[in-house]
Each structure stands twice: as C-alpha cells, then as structure tokens.
C-alpha cells in the first residue's frame, strides 16, 4: 500500500509539496493520516474498486487533515477539552484543507471532496456544509468511517484508546452518523467482528463475540447453537484461533422474533472459564 501511495505522489510536485507540509506539521496528524490512508485503501480493495481508485482512496486518506496545518498547534496538541472558540477554529480545518488542495492542478476531485467533507454525517448534522446522506460521495462515506476508527483506537493525552471491538460496536450504535452499509463493509475489510456479533464457526456452531483474545482477528466466541442438528448447545466460550470464524450471520434469520431476547440472555451470562490455549511447540507444560 505504501508503495502505491508513493507512486501516486510522484506524479505531481504540487501533491508532493502538500504531503511534505503534512509531514512537517503535527506528528500525530501525520501518523493518523497515514493510518487513514491505509484503511481507505483496504476498504477500497474490499469494495472491489479498480487500481486507480484504490490509489486515489489512499491519497484522499493521506491528505484529509491537511487543513490542520492552519490550526494553532496549541489547539491541535491540547490535552484537555477544547473551549468553544478553540472548537470553532478546529472545525475550520476541512475548509482550510479544501483551500490548500483545490488549487493543485490535476488533483483528483475526490481527494478534495474527502478533505472538505470527511466530518459530514448521514443525518446532516456534520460540518462544514451540513450535507445529508444522499449528498455524500462513496469516498466521503468511506473516509468518515476510516477517520473515526483510527481516531478512537489511538491513544491521545485526553483519552484512552478504544479496542477494535469496542470501537466498532460503538460506531454501529451512532444513529445518523455513518453509512451502515459502508460500516459493514469496513468491518469485513478489517477481518474483525464487533462485540456481540453473531458468527458461524468452522465447527458449524453459532455464537456471539464476547471478548477479545490476544489478536483482534481471533476473538472469544460464546457458542450456543449447532447448525447441522438445529439444536441449542450449552453455552461455551471458544477460542477462534482453534475454531475459526467462517462468516457473520443474521440472528433474525435463525431465530426470528426470539432473537433480541436470546441475544440479551446469552450476552448476560456470567463469564465462562477461558478456553484452553494452544501449547507452544517446545514449551513447558
């Protein structure tokens, strides 16, 4: 992915200058922008976009916060809550970024669009233009998700980092903020199932993601139903490192109107004993 972005940047000196300005500014903003670029390209690949579109998605992610170069460093780096005036200045960064990028010759307009609109929301309560869902491009919908996900899973002086599962679960609950279909695609592109998700395991058991393991891609799943026999099972917490997740499933398809109550019942069970870990080759018992 990094090589693809580098090749794209090399196409134009003005684009190179914009990236250099970003790198010379706030360190967190630069690291965050690189992370968003990587997430954007991964999501674009998952959506089946073409090679050039994937490169554009990466550049859009890399330059989405270029306007923060115009925000006072004391505001960008502030450890505490922003004042009303400081927040107002911070919220100007999409406009300032747009002003920087719109004058770059031959820069794909989707990159400029993402820079200006990555803080818009589906219900029209975002900024700077208050656009609603139907007015938001595919790339903007992608960027809104990638930007938020990296921000909430990063450690900052004023907040703890959310775990990947916590982040995805909370984001799914933000009504009117993110495109639900795009968020589902994003989750699939990460290979991470959010907390509480219904999944089918390789053993053909259905279960709910109940907590993380050492690896976000292999969470602990509480199984409770055997698909071939169409029978309930005693709840058991299973390590998906040994019984991999095949795919996500729809609870209403399998359990109909009983699903909300059943989901709550399974999730409310007291923590079960940890599943056995794989023994390391050559290790002690």
C-alpha atoms as a PDB file:
ATOM      1  CA  UNK A   1       0.000   0.000   0.000  1.00  0.00           C
ATOM      2  CA  UNK A   2       2.788   2.439   0.900  1.00  0.00           C
ATOM      3  CA  UNK A   3       4.451   1.843  -2.467  1.00  0.00           C
ATOM      4  CA  UNK A   4       1.193   2.557  -4.305  1.00  0.00           C
ATOM      5  CA  UNK A   5       0.767   5.861  -2.461  1.00  0.00           C
ATOM      6  CA  UNK A   6       4.394   6.789  -3.156  1.00  0.00           C
ATOM      7  CA  UNK A   7       3.912   6.171  -6.883  1.00  0.00           C
ATOM      8  CA  UNK A   8       0.803   8.356  -6.850  1.00  0.00           C
ATOM      9  CA  UNK A   9       2.581  11.192  -5.041  1.00  0.00           C
ATOM     10  CA  UNK A  10       5.458  11.055  -7.518  1.00  0.00           C
ATOM     11  CA  UNK A  11       3.075  12.018 -10.324  1.00  0.00           C
ATOM     12  CA  UNK A  12       2.954  15.671  -9.281  1.00  0.00           C
ATOM     13  CA  UNK A  13       5.233  18.112  -7.487  1.00  0.00           C
ATOM     14  CA  UNK A  14       2.271  20.007  -6.013  1.00  0.00           C
ATOM     15  CA  UNK A  15       0.967  16.823  -4.429  1.00  0.00           C
ATOM     16  CA  UNK A  16       4.442  16.118  -3.063  1.00  0.00           C
ATOM     17  CA  UNK A  17       4.508  19.610  -1.543  1.00  0.00           C
ATOM     18  CA  UNK A  18       1.173  19.038   0.192  1.00  0.00           C
ATOM     19  CA  UNK A  19       2.388  15.761   1.679  1.00  0.00           C
ATOM     20  CA  UNK A  20       5.649  17.400   2.789  1.00  0.00           C
ATOM     21  CA  UNK A  21       3.694  20.145   4.575  1.00  0.00           C
ATOM     22  CA  UNK A  22       1.675  17.488   6.347  1.00  0.00           C
ATOM     23  CA  UNK A  23       4.783  15.575   7.443  1.00  0.00           C
ATOM     24  CA  UNK A  24       6.447  18.751   8.745  1.00  0.00           C
ATOM     25  CA  UNK A  25       3.437  19.593  10.906  1.00  0.00           C
ATOM     26  CA  UNK A  26       1.922  17.872  13.925  1.00  0.00           C
ATOM     27  CA  UNK A  27       3.302  14.333  14.345  1.00  0.00           C
ATOM     28  CA  UNK A  28       0.013  12.791  15.453  1.00  0.00           C
ATOM     29  CA  UNK A  29      -1.835  14.270  12.468  1.00  0.00           C
ATOM     30  CA  UNK A  30       0.725  12.789  10.086  1.00  0.00           C
ATOM     31  CA  UNK A  31       0.646   9.337  11.713  1.00  0.00           C
ATOM     32  CA  UNK A  32      -3.162   9.451  11.804  1.00  0.00           C
ATOM     33  CA  UNK A  33      -3.291  10.453   8.128  1.00  0.00           C
ATOM     34  CA  UNK A  34      -1.051   7.556   7.084  1.00  0.00           C
ATOM     35  CA  UNK A  35      -3.257   5.174   9.075  1.00  0.00           C
ATOM     36  CA  UNK A  36      -6.425   6.549   7.459  1.00  0.00           C
ATOM     37  CA  UNK A  37      -4.808   6.188   4.026  1.00  0.00           C
ATOM     38  CA  UNK A  38      -4.076   2.530   4.747  1.00  0.00           C
ATOM     39  CA  UNK A  39      -7.624   1.899   5.991  1.00  0.00           C
ATOM     40  CA  UNK A  40      -9.095   3.676   2.958  1.00  0.00           C
ATOM     41  CA  UNK A  41      -7.098   1.522   0.554  1.00  0.00           C
ATOM     42  CA  UNK A  42      -8.049  -1.664   2.371  1.00  0.00           C
ATOM     43  CA  UNK A  43     -11.725  -0.713   2.253  1.00  0.00           C
ATOM     44  CA  UNK A  44     -11.472   0.259  -1.416  1.00  0.00           C
ATOM     45  CA  UNK A  45      -9.983  -3.143  -2.210  1.00  0.00           C
ATOM     46  CA  UNK A  46     -12.742  -4.888  -0.290  1.00  0.00           C
ATOM     47  CA  UNK A  47     -15.359  -2.914  -2.249  1.00  0.00           C
ATOM     48  CA  UNK A  48     -13.803  -4.169  -5.488  1.00  0.00           C
ATOM     49  CA  UNK A  49     -12.686  -0.754  -6.741  1.00  0.00           C
ATOM     50  CA  UNK A  50     -10.099  -0.520  -9.503  1.00  0.00           C
ATOM     51  CA  UNK A  51      -6.381   0.033  -9.028  1.00  0.00           C
ATOM     52  CA  UNK A  52      -6.516   3.762  -9.773  1.00  0.00           C
ATOM     53  CA  UNK A  53      -9.495   4.239  -7.447  1.00  0.00           C
ATOM     54  CA  UNK A  54      -7.585   2.447  -4.681  1.00  0.00           C
ATOM     55  CA  UNK A  55      -4.647   4.835  -5.134  1.00  0.00           C
ATOM     56  CA  UNK A  56      -6.987   7.840  -5.050  1.00  0.00           C
ATOM     57  CA  UNK A  57      -8.596   6.489  -1.870  1.00  0.00           C
ATOM     58  CA  UNK A  58      -5.157   6.263  -0.287  1.00  0.00           C
ATOM     59  CA  UNK A  59      -4.238   9.815  -1.257  1.00  0.00           C
ATOM     60  CA  UNK A  60      -7.601  11.076  -0.022  1.00  0.00           C
ATOM     61  CA  UNK A  61      -6.891   9.482   3.338  1.00  0.00           C
ATOM     62  CA  UNK A  62      -3.370  10.868   3.453  1.00  0.00           C
ATOM     63  CA  UNK A  63      -4.487  14.443   2.734  1.00  0.00           C
ATOM     64  CA  UNK A  64      -7.851  14.525   4.513  1.00  0.00           C
ATOM     65  CA  UNK A  65      -6.491  16.501   7.503  1.00  0.00           C
ATOM     66  CA  UNK A  66      -4.090  18.794   5.604  1.00  0.00           C
ATOM     67  CA  UNK A  67      -6.145  21.760   6.842  1.00  0.00           C
ATOM     68  CA  UNK A  68      -4.933  21.146  10.392  1.00  0.00           C
ATOM     69  CA  UNK A  69      -1.671  22.749   9.308  1.00  0.00           C
ATOM     70  CA  UNK A  70      -3.573  26.048   9.634  1.00  0.00           C
ATOM     71  CA  UNK A  71      -4.882  25.328  13.147  1.00  0.00           C
ATOM     72  CA  UNK A  72      -2.886  26.708  16.074  1.00  0.00           C
ATOM     73  CA  UNK A  73      -0.549  23.961  17.408  1.00  0.00           C
ATOM     74  CA  UNK A  74      -1.712  24.725  20.949  1.00  0.00           C
ATOM     75  CA  UNK A  75      -5.224  23.681  19.899  1.00  0.00           C
ATOM     76  CA  UNK A  76      -4.188  20.594  17.933  1.00  0.00           C
ATOM     77  CA  UNK A  77      -1.997  19.335  20.801  1.00  0.00           C
ATOM     78  CA  UNK A  78      -4.218  20.409  23.700  1.00  0.00           C
ATOM     79  CA  UNK A  79      -4.571  17.655  26.295  1.00  0.00           C
ATOM     80  CA  UNK A  80      -7.843  18.938  27.770  1.00  0.00           C
ATOM     81  CA  UNK A  81     -11.279  19.755  26.419  1.00  0.00           C
ATOM     82  CA  UNK A  82     -11.379  22.484  23.787  1.00  0.00           C
ATOM     83  CA  UNK A  83     -13.141  25.757  24.557  1.00  0.00           C
ATOM     84  CA  UNK A  84     -15.991  26.926  22.333  1.00  0.00           C
ATOM     85  CA  UNK A  85     -13.643  29.244  20.427  1.00  0.00           C
ATOM     86  CA  UNK A  86     -10.957  26.569  20.097  1.00  0.00           C
ATOM     87  CA  UNK A  87     -13.505  24.063  18.816  1.00  0.00           C
ATOM     88  CA  UNK A  88     -14.747  26.616  16.288  1.00  0.00           C
ATOM     89  CA  UNK A  89     -11.199  27.061  14.981  1.00  0.00           C
ATOM     90  CA  UNK A  90     -10.594  23.304  14.844  1.00  0.00           C
ATOM     91  CA  UNK A  91     -13.792  22.872  12.828  1.00  0.00           C
ATOM     92  CA  UNK A  92     -12.404  25.175  10.157  1.00  0.00           C
ATOM     93  CA  UNK A  93      -9.760  22.643   9.136  1.00  0.00           C
ATOM     94  CA  UNK A  94     -11.876  20.983   6.403  1.00  0.00           C
ATOM     95  CA  UNK A  95     -12.401  24.382   4.723  1.00  0.00           C
ATOM     96  CA  UNK A  96      -8.731  25.310   5.087  1.00  0.00           C
ATOM     97  CA  UNK A  97      -7.687  21.949   3.687  1.00  0.00           C
ATOM     98  CA  UNK A  98     -10.033  22.446   0.755  1.00  0.00           C
ATOM     99  CA  UNK A  99      -8.431  25.834   0.064  1.00  0.00           C
ATOM    100  CA  UNK A 100      -4.989  24.196   0.004  1.00  0.00           C
ATOM    101  CA  UNK A 101      -5.934  21.308  -2.280  1.00  0.00           C
ATOM    102  CA  UNK A 102      -8.415  22.902  -4.678  1.00  0.00           C
ATOM    103  CA  UNK A 103      -5.629  24.862  -6.359  1.00  0.00           C
ATOM    104  CA  UNK A 104      -3.466  21.806  -7.115  1.00  0.00           C
ATOM    105  CA  UNK A 105      -3.617  21.129 -10.830  1.00  0.00           C
ATOM    106  CA  UNK A 106      -4.763  17.667 -11.920  1.00  0.00           C
ATOM    107  CA  UNK A 107      -5.516  16.546  -8.350  1.00  0.00           C
ATOM    108  CA  UNK A 108      -8.424  14.106  -8.434  1.00  0.00           C
ATOM    109  CA  UNK A 109     -11.551  15.990  -7.235  1.00  0.00           C
ATOM    110  CA  UNK A 110     -12.475  13.071  -4.976  1.00  0.00           C
ATOM    111  CA  UNK A 111      -9.408  13.848  -2.858  1.00  0.00           C
ATOM    112  CA  UNK A 112     -10.582  17.442  -2.448  1.00  0.00           C
ATOM    113  CA  UNK A 113     -14.116  16.230  -1.700  1.00  0.00           C
ATOM    114  CA  UNK A 114     -12.881  13.962   1.107  1.00  0.00           C
ATOM    115  CA  UNK A 115     -10.759  16.749   2.579  1.00  0.00           C
ATOM    116  CA  UNK A 116     -13.751  19.091   2.828  1.00  0.00           C
ATOM    117  CA  UNK A 117     -16.456  16.619   3.818  1.00  0.00           C
ATOM    118  CA  UNK A 118     -14.954  13.835   5.976  1.00  0.00           C
ATOM    119  CA  UNK A 119     -16.714  15.288   9.052  1.00  0.00           C
ATOM    120  CA  UNK A 120     -20.163  15.322   7.455  1.00  0.00           C
ATOM    121  CA  UNK A 121     -22.810  12.927   8.834  1.00  0.00           C
ATOM    122  CA  UNK A 122     -25.569  10.951   7.157  1.00  0.00           C
ATOM    123  CA  UNK A 123     -28.286  12.895   9.013  1.00  0.00           C
ATOM    124  CA  UNK A 124     -26.916  16.311   8.038  1.00  0.00           C
ATOM    125  CA  UNK A 125     -25.576  17.288  11.474  1.00  0.00           C
ATOM    126  CA  UNK A 126     -21.910  17.244  10.433  1.00  0.00           C
ATOM    127  CA  UNK A 127     -19.691  20.081   9.219  1.00  0.00           C
ATOM    128  CA  UNK A 128     -18.702  22.264   7.419  1.00  0.00           C
ATOM    129  CA  UNK A 129     -21.596  22.150   4.928  1.00  0.00           C
ATOM    130  CA  UNK A 130     -24.285  20.128   6.731  1.00  0.00           C
ATOM    131  CA  UNK A 131     -24.676  17.670   3.842  1.00  0.00           C
ATOM    132  CA  UNK A 132     -27.026  14.686   4.162  1.00  0.00           C
ATOM    133  CA  UNK A 133     -26.577  11.061   3.134  1.00  0.00           C
ATOM    134  CA  UNK A 134     -27.619  11.326  -0.494  1.00  0.00           C
ATOM    135  CA  UNK A 135     -25.213  14.237  -0.964  1.00  0.00           C
ATOM    136  CA  UNK A 136     -22.201  12.336   0.380  1.00  0.00           C
ATOM    137  CA  UNK A 137     -19.999  10.560  -2.152  1.00  0.00           C
ATOM    138  CA  UNK A 138     -18.769   6.996  -1.715  1.00  0.00           C
ATOM    139  CA  UNK A 139     -15.271   8.237  -0.896  1.00  0.00           C
ATOM    140  CA  UNK A 140     -16.611  10.657   1.731  1.00  0.00           C
ATOM    141  CA  UNK A 141     -18.627   7.868   3.381  1.00  0.00           C
ATOM    142  CA  UNK A 142     -15.505   5.717   3.406  1.00  0.00           C
ATOM    143  CA  UNK A 143     -13.365   8.480   4.872  1.00  0.00           C
ATOM    144  CA  UNK A 144     -15.819   9.303   7.663  1.00  0.00           C
ATOM    145  CA  UNK A 145     -15.556   5.725   8.926  1.00  0.00           C
ATOM    146  CA  UNK A 146     -11.789   5.330   8.496  1.00  0.00           C
ATOM    147  CA  UNK A 147     -11.084   8.690  10.141  1.00  0.00           C
ATOM    148  CA  UNK A 148     -13.240   7.983  13.192  1.00  0.00           C
ATOM    149  CA  UNK A 149     -11.999   4.407  13.610  1.00  0.00           C
ATOM    150  CA  UNK A 150      -8.338   5.377  13.707  1.00  0.00           C
ATOM    151  CA  UNK A 151      -9.037   8.342  15.986  1.00  0.00           C
ATOM    152  CA  UNK A 152     -10.926   6.368  18.627  1.00  0.00           C
ATOM    153  CA  UNK A 153      -8.473   3.438  18.601  1.00  0.00           C
ATOM    154  CA  UNK A 154      -5.471   5.765  19.098  1.00  0.00           C
ATOM    155  CA  UNK A 155      -4.053   6.888  22.436  1.00  0.00           C
ATOM    156  CA  UNK A 156      -4.285  10.648  22.963  1.00  0.00           C
ATOM    157  CA  UNK A 157      -3.340  12.764  26.001  1.00  0.00           C
ATOM    158  CA  UNK A 158      -7.019  13.420  26.744  1.00  0.00           C
ATOM    159  CA  UNK A 159      -8.457   9.927  26.209  1.00  0.00           C
ATOM    160  CA  UNK A 160      -7.740   6.221  26.290  1.00  0.00           C
ATOM    161  CA  UNK A 161      -7.706   4.154  23.118  1.00  0.00           C
ATOM    162  CA  UNK A 162     -10.767   2.013  22.471  1.00  0.00           C
ATOM    163  CA  UNK A 163     -10.132  -1.586  21.483  1.00  0.00           C
ATOM    164  CA  UNK A 164     -11.057  -2.524  17.886  1.00  0.00           C
ATOM    165  CA  UNK A 165     -14.134  -4.428  19.077  1.00  0.00           C
ATOM    166  CA  UNK A 166     -15.290  -1.619  21.357  1.00  0.00           C
ATOM    167  CA  UNK A 167     -14.772   0.939  18.599  1.00  0.00           C
ATOM    168  CA  UNK A 168     -16.794  -0.993  16.020  1.00  0.00           C
ATOM    169  CA  UNK A 169     -19.597  -1.718  18.486  1.00  0.00           C
ATOM    170  CA  UNK A 170     -19.891   1.947  19.469  1.00  0.00           C
ATOM    171  CA  UNK A 171     -19.680   3.172  15.884  1.00  0.00           C
ATOM    172  CA  UNK A 172     -22.513   0.817  14.914  1.00  0.00           C
ATOM    173  CA  UNK A 173     -24.670   2.469  17.576  1.00  0.00           C
ATOM    174  CA  UNK A 174     -24.190   6.043  16.340  1.00  0.00           C
ATOM    175  CA  UNK A 175     -27.533   6.574  14.643  1.00  0.00           C
ATOM    176  CA  UNK A 176     -27.395   9.003  11.730  1.00  0.00           C
ATOM    177  CA  UNK A 177     -23.611   9.409  11.780  1.00  0.00           C
ATOM    178  CA  UNK A 178     -22.105   6.755   9.491  1.00  0.00           C
ATOM    179  CA  UNK A 179     -23.390   4.852   6.462  1.00  0.00           C
ATOM    180  CA  UNK A 180     -24.479   1.456   7.923  1.00  0.00           C
ATOM    181  CA  UNK A 181     -23.774  -0.499   4.728  1.00  0.00           C
ATOM    182  CA  UNK A 182     -20.330   1.068   4.375  1.00  0.00           C
ATOM    183  CA  UNK A 183     -19.600   0.351   8.032  1.00  0.00           C
ATOM    184  CA  UNK A 184     -20.423  -3.326   7.490  1.00  0.00           C
ATOM    185  CA  UNK A 185     -18.043  -3.376   4.529  1.00  0.00           C
ATOM    186  CA  UNK A 186     -15.374  -1.703   6.662  1.00  0.00           C
ATOM    187  CA  UNK A 187     -15.745  -4.318   9.405  1.00  0.00           C
ATOM    188  CA  UNK A 188     -15.392  -7.056   6.796  1.00  0.00           C
ATOM    189  CA  UNK A 189     -12.294  -5.386   5.334  1.00  0.00           C
ATOM    190  CA  UNK A 190     -10.650  -5.452   8.775  1.00  0.00           C
ATOM    191  CA  UNK A 191     -11.497  -9.078   9.390  1.00  0.00           C
ATOM    192  CA  UNK A 192     -12.763  -8.105  12.853  1.00  0.00           C
ATOM    193  CA  UNK A 193     -16.186  -8.972  14.209  1.00  0.00           C
ATOM    194  CA  UNK A 194     -17.595  -6.433  16.696  1.00  0.00           C
ATOM    195  CA  UNK A 195     -18.586  -7.274  20.264  1.00  0.00           C
ATOM    196  CA  UNK A 196     -21.963  -9.019  20.345  1.00  0.00           C
ATOM    197  CA  UNK A 197     -21.898 -10.077  16.677  1.00  0.00           C
ATOM    198  CA  UNK A 198     -23.440 -13.427  15.715  1.00  0.00           C
ATOM    199  CA  UNK A 199     -20.957 -15.621  13.827  1.00  0.00           C
ATOM    200  CA  UNK A 200     -20.688 -19.162  12.477  1.00  0.00           C
ATOM    201  CA  UNK A 201     -17.558 -21.111  13.362  1.00  0.00           C
ATOM    202  CA  UNK A 202     -15.750 -23.791  11.350  1.00  0.00           C
ATOM    203  CA  UNK A 203     -17.377 -26.372  13.637  1.00  0.00           C
ATOM    204  CA  UNK A 204     -20.804 -25.190  12.378  1.00  0.00           C
ATOM    205  CA  UNK A 205     -21.699 -23.718  15.749  1.00  0.00           C
ATOM    206  CA  UNK A 206     -23.309 -20.305  16.093  1.00  0.00           C
ATOM    207  CA  UNK A 207     -22.039 -17.980  18.779  1.00  0.00           C
ATOM    208  CA  UNK A 208     -21.648 -14.393  19.922  1.00  0.00           C
ATOM    209  CA  UNK A 209     -18.387 -12.463  20.107  1.00  0.00           C
ATOM    210  CA  UNK A 210     -17.998 -11.840  23.844  1.00  0.00           C
ATOM    211  CA  UNK A 211     -14.445 -10.588  24.306  1.00  0.00           C
ATOM    212  CA  UNK A 212     -11.069 -10.129  22.702  1.00  0.00           C
ATOM    213  CA  UNK A 213      -8.152 -12.508  22.705  1.00  0.00           C
ATOM    214  CA  UNK A 214      -4.528 -11.526  22.188  1.00  0.00           C
ATOM    215  CA  UNK A 215      -5.351 -10.961  18.494  1.00  0.00           C
ATOM    216  CA  UNK A 216      -8.333  -8.805  17.365  1.00  0.00           C
ATOM    217  CA  UNK A 217      -8.956 -11.137  14.399  1.00  0.00           C
ATOM    218  CA  UNK A 218      -9.499 -14.166  16.664  1.00  0.00           C
ATOM    219  CA  UNK A 219     -11.907 -13.116  19.446  1.00  0.00           C
ATOM    220  CA  UNK A 220     -13.530 -15.361  22.036  1.00  0.00           C
ATOM    221  CA  UNK A 221     -16.970 -16.546  20.863  1.00  0.00           C
ATOM    222  CA  UNK A 222     -19.725 -17.900  23.127  1.00  0.00           C
ATOM    223  CA  UNK A 223     -21.312 -20.765  21.184  1.00  0.00           C
ATOM    224  CA  UNK A 224     -24.913 -21.794  21.876  1.00  0.00           C
ATOM    225  CA  UNK A 225     -26.411 -23.437  18.747  1.00  0.00           C
ATOM    226  CA  UNK A 226     -25.422 -26.333  16.446  1.00  0.00           C
ATOM    227  CA  UNK A 227     -26.413 -25.661  12.830  1.00  0.00           C
ATOM    228  CA  UNK A 228     -26.494 -29.231  11.357  1.00  0.00           C
ATOM    229  CA  UNK A 229     -28.644 -30.539  14.217  1.00  0.00           C
ATOM    230  CA  UNK A 230     -30.672 -27.321  14.539  1.00  0.00           C
ATOM    231  CA  UNK A 231     -30.339 -27.716  18.293  1.00  0.00           C
ATOM    232  CA  UNK A 232     -29.274 -25.439  21.148  1.00  0.00           C
ATOM    233  CA  UNK A 233     -25.993 -26.177  22.915  1.00  0.00           C
ATOM    234  CA  UNK A 234     -24.787 -25.468  26.442  1.00  0.00           C
ATOM    235  CA  UNK A 235     -23.023 -22.082  26.200  1.00  0.00           C
ATOM    236  CA  UNK A 236     -19.263 -22.445  25.797  1.00  0.00           C
ATOM    237  CA  UNK A 237     -16.595 -19.796  25.262  1.00  0.00           C
ATOM    238  CA  UNK A 238     -14.459 -20.876  22.313  1.00  0.00           C
ATOM    239  CA  UNK A 239     -11.104 -19.597  21.096  1.00  0.00           C
ATOM    240  CA  UNK A 240     -11.482 -18.813  17.391  1.00  0.00           C
ATOM    241  CA  UNK A 241      -7.743 -19.317  16.958  1.00  0.00           C
ATOM    242  CA  UNK A 242      -8.579 -23.041  17.115  1.00  0.00           C
ATOM    243  CA  UNK A 243     -12.140 -22.928  15.699  1.00  0.00           C
ATOM    244  CA  UNK A 244     -12.055 -20.112  13.098  1.00  0.00           C
ATOM    245  CA  UNK A 245     -14.935 -17.804  12.225  1.00  0.00           C
ATOM    246  CA  UNK A 246     -16.440 -18.659   8.839  1.00  0.00           C
ATOM    247  CA  UNK A 247     -18.756 -15.667   8.468  1.00  0.00           C
ATOM    248  CA  UNK A 248     -21.179 -13.335  10.182  1.00  0.00           C
ATOM    249  CA  UNK A 249     -24.804 -14.486  10.474  1.00  0.00           C
ATOM    250  CA  UNK A 250     -28.163 -12.755  10.918  1.00  0.00           C
ATOM    251  CA  UNK A 251     -29.873 -13.508  14.194  1.00  0.00           C
ATOM    252  CA  UNK A 252     -33.348 -12.708  12.903  1.00  0.00           C
ATOM    253  CA  UNK A 253     -32.872 -15.266  10.097  1.00  0.00           C
ATOM    254  CA  UNK A 254     -32.043 -18.069  12.522  1.00  0.00           C
ATOM    255  CA  UNK A 255     -34.228 -17.203  15.486  1.00  0.00           C
ATOM    256  CA  UNK A 256     -36.903 -14.811  14.230  1.00  0.00           C
ATOM    257  CA  UNK A 257     -38.666 -12.667  16.812  1.00  0.00           C
ATOM    258  CA  UNK A 258     -36.926 -14.534  19.646  1.00  0.00           C
ATOM    259  CA  UNK A 259     -33.548 -13.118  18.642  1.00  0.00           C
ATOM    260  CA  UNK A 260     -33.398  -9.885  20.710  1.00  0.00           C
ATOM    261  CA  UNK A 261     -34.288 -11.717  23.938  1.00  0.00           C
ATOM    262  CA  UNK A 262     -31.998 -14.663  23.152  1.00  0.00           C
ATOM    263  CA  UNK A 263     -29.117 -12.334  22.313  1.00  0.00           C
ATOM    264  CA  UNK A 264     -29.545 -10.489  25.615  1.00  0.00           C
ATOM    265  CA  UNK A 265     -29.754 -13.776  27.541  1.00  0.00           C
ATOM    266  CA  UNK A 266     -26.532 -15.181  26.047  1.00  0.00           C
ATOM    267  CA  UNK A 267     -24.616 -11.926  26.490  1.00  0.00           C
ATOM    268  CA  UNK A 268     -25.776 -11.588  30.109  1.00  0.00           C
ATOM    269  CA  UNK A 269     -24.334 -14.933  31.215  1.00  0.00           C
ATOM    270  CA  UNK A 270     -21.559 -14.749  33.773  1.00  0.00           C
ATOM    271  CA  UNK A 271     -18.078 -15.037  32.291  1.00  0.00           C
ATOM    272  CA  UNK A 272     -17.325 -18.643  31.433  1.00  0.00           C
ATOM    273  CA  UNK A 273     -13.938 -20.283  32.009  1.00  0.00           C
ATOM    274  CA  UNK A 274     -11.300 -19.248  29.488  1.00  0.00           C
ATOM    275  CA  UNK A 275     -10.921 -21.711  26.620  1.00  0.00           C
ATOM    276  CA  UNK A 276      -7.683 -23.687  26.655  1.00  0.00           C
ATOM    277  CA  UNK A 277      -4.765 -22.064  24.860  1.00  0.00           C
ATOM    278  CA  UNK A 278      -2.642 -23.820  22.285  1.00  0.00           C
ATOM    279  CA  UNK A 279       0.559 -25.177  23.768  1.00  0.00           C
ATOM    280  CA  UNK A 280       3.667 -23.625  22.291  1.00  0.00           C
ATOM    281  CA  UNK A 281       5.930 -26.042  20.459  1.00  0.00           C
ATOM    282  CA  UNK A 282       8.872 -26.960  22.671  1.00  0.00           C
ATOM    283  CA  UNK A 283       7.392 -25.098  25.640  1.00  0.00           C
ATOM    284  CA  UNK A 284       6.846 -26.304  29.168  1.00  0.00           C
ATOM    285  CA  UNK A 285       3.569 -27.879  30.206  1.00  0.00           C
END
